[in-house]
């Protein structure tokens, strides 16, 4: 197998390969409650079709060995659009080959082309390996992302507090 890696925009026919990578992502996550592979593939298909969302794949010959997705948005506090990376996964068998860095470089270059003023990344707090990776690539922990789950999936990890519910009614 050739070692040449090509980074390309994802196409809908890449979805079966992306699904396999999502399975690997799920296996690496500590909290998979509510994670539905088929729904994630549908979401990925919608991202591929959206003009404000970007999905890139890392291709080695005819195999997809990684992907990354990000969105752009305008905020009140920034002079230009801001980008947010939501997922980056490299197949376990290909980790350590620099594919994650290639995917990140592609995103940063695309964000510069789009005129973005910053690139942010979201990862689980417990994912120390990913946090080390992003720091090694120049990202700094400058903010905290707080979440409030709005979908009750039974034993939700962050159930909506009664106080908050009362405030919103």
N, C-alpha and C. Protein backbone atom coordinates (compact mmCIF):
# COMPACT_ATOMS: atom_id res chain seq x y z
N UNK A 1 0.84 -1.18 0.00
CA UNK A 1 0.00 0.00 0.00
C UNK A 1 0.89 1.24 0.00
N UNK A 2 0.55 2.19 -0.84
CA UNK A 2 1.30 3.44 -0.93
C UNK A 2 1.11 4.25 0.34
N UNK A 3 2.14 5.00 0.72
CA UNK A 3 2.05 5.85 1.89
C UNK A 3 1.51 7.23 1.56
N UNK A 4 1.29 7.52 0.26
CA UNK A 4 0.80 8.84 -0.12
C UNK A 4 -0.61 9.06 0.42
N UNK A 5 -0.78 10.17 1.13
CA UNK A 5 -2.07 10.54 1.70
C UNK A 5 -2.57 11.77 0.95
N UNK A 6 -3.80 11.70 0.49
CA UNK A 6 -4.45 12.84 -0.16
C UNK A 6 -5.60 13.31 0.73
N UNK A 7 -5.68 14.61 0.95
CA UNK A 7 -6.78 15.20 1.70
C UNK A 7 -7.73 15.83 0.69
N UNK A 8 -8.99 15.40 0.74
CA UNK A 8 -9.98 15.83 -0.25
C UNK A 8 -11.31 16.12 0.43
N UNK A 9 -12.12 16.99 -0.17
CA UNK A 9 -13.48 17.16 0.36
C UNK A 9 -14.22 15.82 0.30
N UNK A 10 -14.98 15.54 1.34
CA UNK A 10 -15.75 14.30 1.37
C UNK A 10 -16.89 14.35 0.37
N UNK A 11 -17.20 13.19 -0.17
CA UNK A 11 -18.33 13.02 -1.09
C UNK A 11 -19.31 12.04 -0.46
N UNK A 12 -20.53 12.06 -0.93
CA UNK A 12 -21.53 11.16 -0.35
C UNK A 12 -21.14 9.69 -0.48
N UNK A 13 -20.43 9.32 -1.54
CA UNK A 13 -20.03 7.92 -1.69
C UNK A 13 -18.92 7.52 -0.70
N UNK A 14 -18.40 8.49 0.08
CA UNK A 14 -17.43 8.20 1.13
C UNK A 14 -18.10 7.80 2.45
N UNK A 15 -19.41 7.94 2.53
CA UNK A 15 -20.11 7.72 3.79
C UNK A 15 -19.93 6.33 4.38
N UNK A 16 -19.92 5.24 3.61
CA UNK A 16 -19.68 3.93 4.23
C UNK A 16 -18.31 3.84 4.93
N UNK A 17 -17.30 4.45 4.34
CA UNK A 17 -15.98 4.45 4.97
C UNK A 17 -15.95 5.36 6.19
N UNK A 18 -16.64 6.49 6.11
CA UNK A 18 -16.72 7.39 7.25
C UNK A 18 -17.45 6.69 8.40
N UNK A 19 -18.45 5.89 8.07
CA UNK A 19 -19.19 5.15 9.10
C UNK A 19 -18.24 4.24 9.89
N UNK A 20 -17.32 3.58 9.20
CA UNK A 20 -16.35 2.72 9.90
C UNK A 20 -15.48 3.54 10.85
N UNK A 21 -15.10 4.73 10.44
CA UNK A 21 -14.31 5.60 11.31
C UNK A 21 -15.14 6.08 12.51
N UNK A 22 -16.43 6.32 12.29
CA UNK A 22 -17.30 6.72 13.39
C UNK A 22 -17.43 5.60 14.43
N UNK A 23 -17.42 4.36 13.97
CA UNK A 23 -17.44 3.22 14.90
C UNK A 23 -16.18 3.26 15.76
N UNK A 24 -15.02 3.53 15.14
CA UNK A 24 -13.78 3.64 15.91
C UNK A 24 -13.85 4.80 16.90
N UNK A 25 -14.44 5.92 16.47
CA UNK A 25 -14.59 7.07 17.36
C UNK A 25 -15.46 6.69 18.55
N UNK A 26 -16.55 6.02 18.29
CA UNK A 26 -17.45 5.62 19.37
C UNK A 26 -16.73 4.71 20.36
N UNK A 27 -15.92 3.79 19.85
CA UNK A 27 -15.19 2.87 20.72
C UNK A 27 -14.18 3.59 21.59
N UNK A 28 -13.70 4.76 21.14
CA UNK A 28 -12.71 5.51 21.91
C UNK A 28 -13.36 6.47 22.91
N UNK A 29 -14.65 6.71 22.78
CA UNK A 29 -15.33 7.67 23.65
C UNK A 29 -15.67 7.03 24.99
N UNK A 30 -15.62 7.86 26.04
CA UNK A 30 -15.99 7.36 27.37
C UNK A 30 -17.50 7.43 27.58
N UNK A 31 -18.17 8.37 26.94
CA UNK A 31 -19.62 8.52 27.08
C UNK A 31 -20.27 8.39 25.71
N UNK A 32 -20.89 7.25 25.45
CA UNK A 32 -21.52 7.02 24.15
C UNK A 32 -23.04 7.01 24.24
N UNK A 33 -23.57 7.41 25.39
CA UNK A 33 -25.01 7.43 25.55
C UNK A 33 -25.63 8.36 24.51
N UNK A 34 -26.62 7.86 23.81
CA UNK A 34 -27.29 8.65 22.79
C UNK A 34 -26.56 8.68 21.46
N UNK A 35 -25.40 8.06 21.37
CA UNK A 35 -24.62 8.05 20.13
C UNK A 35 -25.20 6.98 19.21
N UNK A 36 -25.68 7.38 18.08
CA UNK A 36 -26.30 6.47 17.12
C UNK A 36 -25.52 6.57 15.81
N UNK A 37 -24.87 5.49 15.44
CA UNK A 37 -24.01 5.48 14.24
C UNK A 37 -24.79 5.89 12.99
N UNK A 38 -25.95 5.28 12.78
CA UNK A 38 -26.71 5.59 11.56
C UNK A 38 -27.15 7.05 11.51
N UNK A 39 -27.57 7.60 12.65
CA UNK A 39 -27.94 9.01 12.69
C UNK A 39 -26.70 9.88 12.42
N UNK A 40 -25.55 9.46 12.94
CA UNK A 40 -24.32 10.21 12.70
C UNK A 40 -23.96 10.22 11.22
N UNK A 41 -24.17 9.12 10.54
CA UNK A 41 -23.91 9.07 9.10
C UNK A 41 -24.87 9.99 8.36
N UNK A 42 -26.14 10.00 8.77
CA UNK A 42 -27.11 10.93 8.17
C UNK A 42 -26.69 12.37 8.41
N UNK A 43 -26.23 12.65 9.64
CA UNK A 43 -25.75 14.00 9.95
C UNK A 43 -24.55 14.37 9.07
N UNK A 44 -23.65 13.43 8.88
CA UNK A 44 -22.48 13.67 8.04
C UNK A 44 -22.90 13.97 6.60
N UNK A 45 -23.89 13.24 6.12
CA UNK A 45 -24.40 13.49 4.77
C UNK A 45 -24.93 14.92 4.66
N UNK A 46 -25.66 15.37 5.68
CA UNK A 46 -26.17 16.75 5.68
C UNK A 46 -25.03 17.76 5.74
N UNK A 47 -23.98 17.45 6.50
CA UNK A 47 -22.83 18.35 6.58
C UNK A 47 -22.14 18.49 5.23
N UNK A 48 -22.01 17.37 4.54
CA UNK A 48 -21.37 17.39 3.21
C UNK A 48 -22.15 18.30 2.26
N UNK A 49 -23.46 18.36 2.43
CA UNK A 49 -24.32 19.15 1.53
C UNK A 49 -24.45 20.61 1.94
N UNK A 50 -24.04 20.96 3.17
CA UNK A 50 -24.24 22.32 3.69
C UNK A 50 -23.12 23.27 3.26
N UNK A 51 -23.47 24.50 2.87
CA UNK A 51 -22.44 25.46 2.45
C UNK A 51 -21.59 26.03 3.60
N UNK A 52 -22.03 25.91 4.84
CA UNK A 52 -21.27 26.43 5.97
C UNK A 52 -20.57 25.33 6.76
N UNK A 53 -20.62 24.13 6.26
CA UNK A 53 -19.99 22.98 6.90
C UNK A 53 -18.97 22.40 5.93
N UNK A 54 -17.92 21.85 6.48
CA UNK A 54 -16.86 21.29 5.66
C UNK A 54 -16.45 19.93 6.23
N UNK A 55 -16.34 18.95 5.36
CA UNK A 55 -15.87 17.62 5.74
C UNK A 55 -14.77 17.23 4.76
N UNK A 56 -13.61 16.88 5.30
CA UNK A 56 -12.49 16.43 4.49
C UNK A 56 -12.14 15.01 4.90
N UNK A 57 -11.69 14.22 3.92
CA UNK A 57 -11.24 12.87 4.19
C UNK A 57 -9.76 12.76 3.85
N UNK A 58 -9.10 11.85 4.56
CA UNK A 58 -7.71 11.50 4.24
C UNK A 58 -7.79 10.17 3.50
N UNK A 59 -7.28 10.17 2.28
CA UNK A 59 -7.38 8.99 1.44
C UNK A 59 -5.98 8.42 1.18
N UNK A 60 -5.84 7.14 1.40
CA UNK A 60 -4.60 6.41 1.09
C UNK A 60 -5.01 5.37 0.05
N UNK A 61 -4.54 5.57 -1.16
CA UNK A 61 -5.01 4.81 -2.32
C UNK A 61 -6.52 4.92 -2.37
N UNK A 62 -7.26 3.82 -2.25
CA UNK A 62 -8.72 3.90 -2.33
C UNK A 62 -9.39 3.80 -0.96
N UNK A 63 -8.61 3.84 0.11
CA UNK A 63 -9.16 3.72 1.45
C UNK A 63 -9.19 5.08 2.15
N UNK A 64 -10.27 5.33 2.86
CA UNK A 64 -10.35 6.52 3.69
C UNK A 64 -9.82 6.14 5.06
N UNK A 65 -8.79 6.86 5.49
CA UNK A 65 -8.11 6.53 6.75
C UNK A 65 -8.31 7.60 7.81
N UNK A 66 -9.06 8.65 7.48
CA UNK A 66 -9.34 9.70 8.46
C UNK A 66 -10.31 10.71 7.90
N UNK A 67 -10.92 11.47 8.79
CA UNK A 67 -11.76 12.58 8.36
C UNK A 67 -11.79 13.64 9.44
N UNK A 68 -12.19 14.83 9.01
CA UNK A 68 -12.32 15.98 9.90
C UNK A 68 -13.49 16.80 9.41
N UNK A 69 -14.23 17.39 10.32
CA UNK A 69 -15.29 18.30 9.90
C UNK A 69 -15.27 19.55 10.76
N UNK A 70 -15.65 20.66 10.13
CA UNK A 70 -15.72 21.93 10.83
C UNK A 70 -16.79 22.80 10.23
N UNK A 71 -17.20 23.79 11.00
CA UNK A 71 -18.19 24.76 10.54
C UNK A 71 -17.62 26.16 10.75
N UNK A 72 -18.21 27.12 10.06
CA UNK A 72 -17.83 28.51 10.25
C UNK A 72 -19.06 29.29 10.69
N UNK A 73 -18.79 30.33 11.46
CA UNK A 73 -19.89 31.16 11.92
C UNK A 73 -19.37 32.56 12.24
N UNK A 74 -20.24 33.51 12.15
CA UNK A 74 -19.92 34.89 12.52
C UNK A 74 -20.34 35.06 13.97
N UNK A 75 -19.50 35.72 14.76
CA UNK A 75 -19.82 36.00 16.15
C UNK A 75 -19.78 37.51 16.38
N UNK A 76 -20.31 37.93 17.48
CA UNK A 76 -20.32 39.35 17.82
C UNK A 76 -18.92 39.85 18.15
N UNK A 77 -18.13 39.02 18.82
CA UNK A 77 -16.85 39.45 19.37
C UNK A 77 -15.67 39.35 18.40
N UNK A 78 -15.83 38.68 17.28
CA UNK A 78 -14.70 38.47 16.37
C UNK A 78 -14.85 39.34 15.12
N UNK A 79 -13.73 39.83 14.60
CA UNK A 79 -13.79 40.69 13.41
C UNK A 79 -14.11 39.94 12.12
N UNK A 80 -13.98 38.63 12.14
CA UNK A 80 -14.28 37.81 10.97
C UNK A 80 -14.88 36.49 11.45
N UNK A 81 -15.22 35.63 10.53
CA UNK A 81 -15.81 34.34 10.90
C UNK A 81 -14.85 33.53 11.76
N UNK A 82 -15.43 32.68 12.56
CA UNK A 82 -14.69 31.77 13.42
C UNK A 82 -15.03 30.35 12.95
N UNK A 83 -14.07 29.46 13.04
CA UNK A 83 -14.28 28.07 12.64
C UNK A 83 -14.23 27.17 13.87
N UNK A 84 -15.03 26.12 13.86
CA UNK A 84 -15.06 25.17 14.96
C UNK A 84 -14.94 23.75 14.40
N UNK A 85 -13.86 23.07 14.79
CA UNK A 85 -13.67 21.67 14.43
C UNK A 85 -14.45 20.84 15.44
N UNK A 86 -15.33 19.98 14.94
CA UNK A 86 -16.13 19.14 15.83
C UNK A 86 -15.59 17.72 15.93
N UNK A 87 -15.20 17.13 14.83
CA UNK A 87 -14.68 15.77 14.87
C UNK A 87 -13.42 15.65 14.02
N UNK A 88 -12.49 14.88 14.53
CA UNK A 88 -11.29 14.48 13.81
C UNK A 88 -11.01 13.05 14.24
N UNK A 89 -10.97 12.16 13.28
CA UNK A 89 -10.67 10.76 13.60
C UNK A 89 -9.74 10.21 12.53
N UNK A 90 -8.73 9.50 12.99
CA UNK A 90 -7.82 8.77 12.11
C UNK A 90 -7.93 7.31 12.51
N UNK A 91 -8.02 6.46 11.52
CA UNK A 91 -8.12 5.03 11.79
C UNK A 91 -6.99 4.59 12.71
N UNK A 92 -7.32 3.77 13.67
CA UNK A 92 -6.33 3.32 14.66
C UNK A 92 -5.10 2.71 13.98
N UNK A 93 -5.31 2.00 12.89
CA UNK A 93 -4.19 1.34 12.22
C UNK A 93 -3.26 2.33 11.52
N UNK A 94 -3.70 3.59 11.39
CA UNK A 94 -2.89 4.59 10.69
C UNK A 94 -2.42 5.73 11.59
N UNK A 95 -2.69 5.63 12.87
CA UNK A 95 -2.27 6.69 13.78
C UNK A 95 -0.75 6.72 13.89
N UNK A 96 -0.23 7.92 14.12
CA UNK A 96 1.21 8.09 14.23
C UNK A 96 1.89 8.32 12.89
N UNK A 97 1.11 8.40 11.82
CA UNK A 97 1.68 8.61 10.48
C UNK A 97 1.59 10.08 10.04
N UNK A 98 1.06 10.96 10.91
CA UNK A 98 0.94 12.37 10.56
C UNK A 98 -0.35 12.73 9.84
N UNK A 99 -1.28 11.80 9.75
CA UNK A 99 -2.53 12.05 9.02
C UNK A 99 -3.38 13.09 9.73
N UNK A 100 -3.46 13.02 11.05
CA UNK A 100 -4.22 14.03 11.81
C UNK A 100 -3.66 15.41 11.58
N UNK A 101 -2.33 15.53 11.55
CA UNK A 101 -1.71 16.84 11.29
C UNK A 101 -2.01 17.33 9.87
N UNK A 102 -2.01 16.42 8.92
CA UNK A 102 -2.36 16.81 7.54
C UNK A 102 -3.80 17.31 7.46
N UNK A 103 -4.70 16.62 8.15
CA UNK A 103 -6.10 17.06 8.17
C UNK A 103 -6.21 18.44 8.81
N UNK A 104 -5.51 18.65 9.94
CA UNK A 104 -5.55 19.95 10.60
C UNK A 104 -4.97 21.05 9.72
N UNK A 105 -3.83 20.77 9.06
CA UNK A 105 -3.23 21.77 8.17
C UNK A 105 -4.20 22.16 7.05
N UNK A 106 -4.91 21.16 6.53
CA UNK A 106 -5.88 21.43 5.47
C UNK A 106 -6.98 22.35 5.97
N UNK A 107 -7.48 22.07 7.17
CA UNK A 107 -8.54 22.90 7.75
C UNK A 107 -8.03 24.33 8.00
N UNK A 108 -6.86 24.46 8.57
CA UNK A 108 -6.32 25.80 8.85
C UNK A 108 -6.13 26.57 7.53
N UNK A 109 -5.62 25.91 6.50
CA UNK A 109 -5.45 26.57 5.20
C UNK A 109 -6.81 26.99 4.62
N UNK A 110 -7.80 26.11 4.72
CA UNK A 110 -9.14 26.42 4.22
C UNK A 110 -9.72 27.60 5.00
N UNK A 111 -9.53 27.62 6.31
CA UNK A 111 -10.04 28.71 7.14
C UNK A 111 -9.37 30.03 6.77
N UNK A 112 -8.09 29.99 6.49
CA UNK A 112 -7.40 31.21 6.03
C UNK A 112 -8.00 31.68 4.71
N UNK A 113 -8.23 30.74 3.78
CA UNK A 113 -8.84 31.09 2.49
C UNK A 113 -10.24 31.69 2.67
N UNK A 114 -10.97 31.20 3.68
CA UNK A 114 -12.32 31.70 3.95
C UNK A 114 -12.31 33.03 4.71
N UNK A 115 -11.12 33.47 5.17
CA UNK A 115 -11.01 34.72 5.91
C UNK A 115 -11.35 34.59 7.38
N UNK A 116 -11.32 33.39 7.92
CA UNK A 116 -11.60 33.19 9.34
C UNK A 116 -10.50 33.83 10.19
N UNK A 117 -10.88 34.30 11.37
CA UNK A 117 -9.90 34.91 12.26
C UNK A 117 -9.38 33.93 13.30
N UNK A 118 -10.05 32.78 13.46
CA UNK A 118 -9.59 31.78 14.41
C UNK A 118 -10.16 30.42 14.07
N UNK A 119 -9.50 29.39 14.61
CA UNK A 119 -9.98 28.01 14.51
C UNK A 119 -10.04 27.48 15.93
N UNK A 120 -11.20 26.99 16.31
CA UNK A 120 -11.39 26.38 17.62
C UNK A 120 -11.61 24.89 17.42
N UNK A 121 -11.41 24.13 18.48
CA UNK A 121 -11.64 22.69 18.40
C UNK A 121 -12.40 22.26 19.65
N UNK A 122 -13.29 21.31 19.47
CA UNK A 122 -14.07 20.76 20.57
C UNK A 122 -13.68 19.30 20.75
N UNK A 123 -13.41 18.90 21.98
CA UNK A 123 -13.13 17.50 22.29
C UNK A 123 -13.63 17.21 23.69
N UNK A 124 -13.84 15.95 23.98
CA UNK A 124 -14.28 15.59 25.33
C UNK A 124 -13.22 15.98 26.35
N UNK A 125 -13.67 16.46 27.48
CA UNK A 125 -12.75 16.84 28.56
C UNK A 125 -11.87 15.66 28.97
N UNK A 126 -12.44 14.46 28.93
CA UNK A 126 -11.70 13.27 29.36
C UNK A 126 -10.73 12.74 28.31
N UNK A 127 -10.74 13.30 27.11
CA UNK A 127 -9.89 12.79 26.03
C UNK A 127 -8.51 13.47 26.08
N UNK A 128 -7.71 13.03 27.04
CA UNK A 128 -6.38 13.63 27.25
C UNK A 128 -5.49 13.47 26.03
N UNK A 129 -5.59 12.35 25.34
CA UNK A 129 -4.76 12.11 24.15
C UNK A 129 -5.04 13.16 23.07
N UNK A 130 -6.33 13.43 22.82
CA UNK A 130 -6.69 14.44 21.81
C UNK A 130 -6.24 15.83 22.25
N UNK A 131 -6.40 16.14 23.51
CA UNK A 131 -5.98 17.45 24.01
C UNK A 131 -4.47 17.63 23.85
N UNK A 132 -3.69 16.59 24.13
CA UNK A 132 -2.23 16.67 23.91
C UNK A 132 -1.92 16.87 22.43
N UNK A 133 -2.62 16.15 21.57
CA UNK A 133 -2.41 16.26 20.13
C UNK A 133 -2.66 17.70 19.66
N UNK A 134 -3.81 18.26 20.04
CA UNK A 134 -4.13 19.62 19.60
C UNK A 134 -3.13 20.64 20.15
N UNK A 135 -2.71 20.46 21.39
CA UNK A 135 -1.70 21.37 21.95
C UNK A 135 -0.39 21.27 21.18
N UNK A 136 0.01 20.06 20.79
CA UNK A 136 1.23 19.86 20.01
C UNK A 136 1.12 20.52 18.64
N UNK A 137 -0.10 20.72 18.17
CA UNK A 137 -0.34 21.36 16.87
C UNK A 137 -0.56 22.86 17.00
N UNK A 138 -0.36 23.41 18.20
CA UNK A 138 -0.43 24.86 18.38
C UNK A 138 -1.71 25.38 19.02
N UNK A 139 -2.67 24.52 19.28
CA UNK A 139 -3.91 24.97 19.93
C UNK A 139 -3.64 25.16 21.42
N UNK A 140 -4.32 26.12 22.02
CA UNK A 140 -4.19 26.39 23.44
C UNK A 140 -5.56 26.31 24.10
N UNK A 141 -5.57 25.85 25.34
CA UNK A 141 -6.83 25.82 26.10
C UNK A 141 -7.09 27.22 26.62
N UNK A 142 -7.95 27.95 25.93
CA UNK A 142 -8.24 29.34 26.28
C UNK A 142 -9.68 29.54 26.73
N UNK A 143 -10.52 28.55 26.55
CA UNK A 143 -11.93 28.72 26.87
C UNK A 143 -12.48 27.40 27.40
N UNK A 144 -13.66 27.48 27.92
CA UNK A 144 -14.35 26.28 28.40
C UNK A 144 -15.67 26.20 27.66
N UNK A 145 -15.98 25.04 27.16
CA UNK A 145 -17.23 24.78 26.47
C UNK A 145 -18.17 24.10 27.45
N UNK A 146 -19.28 24.72 27.73
CA UNK A 146 -20.28 24.15 28.62
C UNK A 146 -21.42 23.59 27.79
N UNK A 147 -22.01 22.52 28.25
CA UNK A 147 -23.11 21.89 27.51
C UNK A 147 -24.34 21.76 28.39
N UNK A 148 -25.49 21.85 27.77
CA UNK A 148 -26.76 21.57 28.41
C UNK A 148 -27.51 20.66 27.46
N UNK A 149 -27.67 19.40 27.85
CA UNK A 149 -28.38 18.45 27.00
C UNK A 149 -29.86 18.79 26.98
N UNK A 150 -30.44 18.87 25.80
CA UNK A 150 -31.85 19.18 25.66
C UNK A 150 -32.68 17.97 25.28
N UNK A 151 -32.03 16.88 24.97
CA UNK A 151 -32.72 15.66 24.60
C UNK A 151 -32.58 14.69 25.75
N UNK A 152 -33.71 14.25 26.29
CA UNK A 152 -33.69 13.29 27.39
C UNK A 152 -33.55 11.89 26.81
N UNK A 153 -32.42 11.26 27.11
CA UNK A 153 -32.19 9.90 26.61
C UNK A 153 -32.22 8.91 27.77
N UNK A 154 -33.16 9.09 28.65
CA UNK A 154 -33.24 8.20 29.81
C UNK A 154 -32.37 8.74 30.91
N UNK A 155 -31.29 8.07 31.20
CA UNK A 155 -30.36 8.49 32.25
C UNK A 155 -29.35 9.46 31.65
N UNK A 156 -29.82 10.62 31.26
CA UNK A 156 -28.97 11.62 30.63
C UNK A 156 -27.80 12.00 31.53
N UNK A 157 -26.63 12.25 30.91
CA UNK A 157 -25.44 12.59 31.71
C UNK A 157 -25.58 13.97 32.33
N UNK A 158 -26.35 14.88 31.72
CA UNK A 158 -26.57 16.22 32.25
C UNK A 158 -28.07 16.52 32.21
N UNK A 159 -28.84 15.91 33.08
CA UNK A 159 -30.27 16.18 33.01
C UNK A 159 -30.56 17.65 33.24
N UNK A 160 -31.55 18.17 32.55
CA UNK A 160 -31.93 19.56 32.71
C UNK A 160 -32.39 19.76 34.15
N UNK A 161 -31.76 20.69 34.83
CA UNK A 161 -32.09 20.90 36.24
C UNK A 161 -33.48 21.48 36.37
N UNK A 162 -34.18 21.13 37.46
CA UNK A 162 -35.52 21.69 37.68
C UNK A 162 -35.48 23.21 37.77
N UNK A 163 -34.43 23.77 38.37
CA UNK A 163 -34.32 25.22 38.49
C UNK A 163 -34.29 25.86 37.11
N UNK A 164 -33.48 25.30 36.21
CA UNK A 164 -33.39 25.86 34.87
C UNK A 164 -34.73 25.73 34.15
N UNK A 165 -35.39 24.60 34.30
CA UNK A 165 -36.69 24.39 33.68
C UNK A 165 -37.68 25.44 34.18
N UNK A 166 -37.66 25.72 35.49
CA UNK A 166 -38.56 26.71 36.06
C UNK A 166 -38.28 28.10 35.50
N UNK A 167 -37.01 28.43 35.30
CA UNK A 167 -36.65 29.74 34.78
C UNK A 167 -37.12 29.93 33.35
N UNK A 168 -37.19 28.85 32.59
CA UNK A 168 -37.54 28.95 31.18
C UNK A 168 -39.05 28.87 30.94
N UNK A 169 -39.82 28.55 31.95
CA UNK A 169 -41.29 28.44 31.76
C UNK A 169 -41.98 29.73 32.05
